[in-house]
Amino acid sequence: MIGVNHNGKKDSYDALEIADKLKSGSYSNNGEKIVFLTFDDGTSTTVTPEILRVLDENNVKATFFLTGQNIERGGQKAKDLIKQEFEKGHAIANHSYSHNYKVLYPQRTLNLEAFNADFKKTDDILKNVLGPHFSTRVIRCPGGHMSWKGMDPLDSYLAENKMASIDWNALNADAEGKKKNAQELADYAIKTSQGKEIVVLLMHDTYGKEQTAKALPQIIKHFKDNGYAFKTLA
């Protein structure tokens, strides 16, 4: 089980291909428009249930980049939410255990040994929740791959293991600048997605992101109205 369950495979897309698109900065797709709704830093026991409800109501799938410490913080309820995400056909990906820049990138430079150890802790948690046969080849670097120095060793490691590091090319800005209401978040997501046939939209479902859940119906409607297919990364 690589990232999604059997039923979720029909909505999944090759994450390695999307990683290459993001790296090249080329978001054309022969006229076929696709959007990847991605949520970082979960699972939270407050916001994630509402995100899942909205996704379910709109019959669209998303990719959840999970953080081990937040899973532990949420206890059994958080683990049950991960099972719910997986059973509903959403994709599960790894966003580190600690999300601690000083551990992962001391002096803003990758420490590959610390990075891999940190991500393995979340891998182990996910196997504990979803079963020993679960794995994901999709990761998202805390702060984004684009933000740090000395990332070549990670790129080599990912290539050797056929894994994909996924950043983003659009965002709702729920973690940037001043706190925004739902309308502002939706407007930002729409603005940063303009002119792109492939959209990887960064959002968060961690604690305190209630406005993201409120903005999600409008964001989904925009992409549906503009002919996008909703896909997950696996």
Foldseek 3Di string as FASTA:
>chain_A
DAFADPVLPVQADAQAVVLVCVVVVPQDDPPAFAEAEEAEADDALPQLVLLVVLCVVVVFAHEYAYAQCRCVVRPPSRLVSVVVNRVSNHGYHHAWHPLDCCQQQPVLAGDPVSRVVRRVVVQVVCCVSVHVPYHYLEYEYNVGPVRGPHCVVVVVVSVVVVHHYDDFQFELCCPHDDHDALVSSLVRRVVSCPPGSYGYYYHHRYPPVNRPSVNVVVNVVVCVVVNYRYHYYD
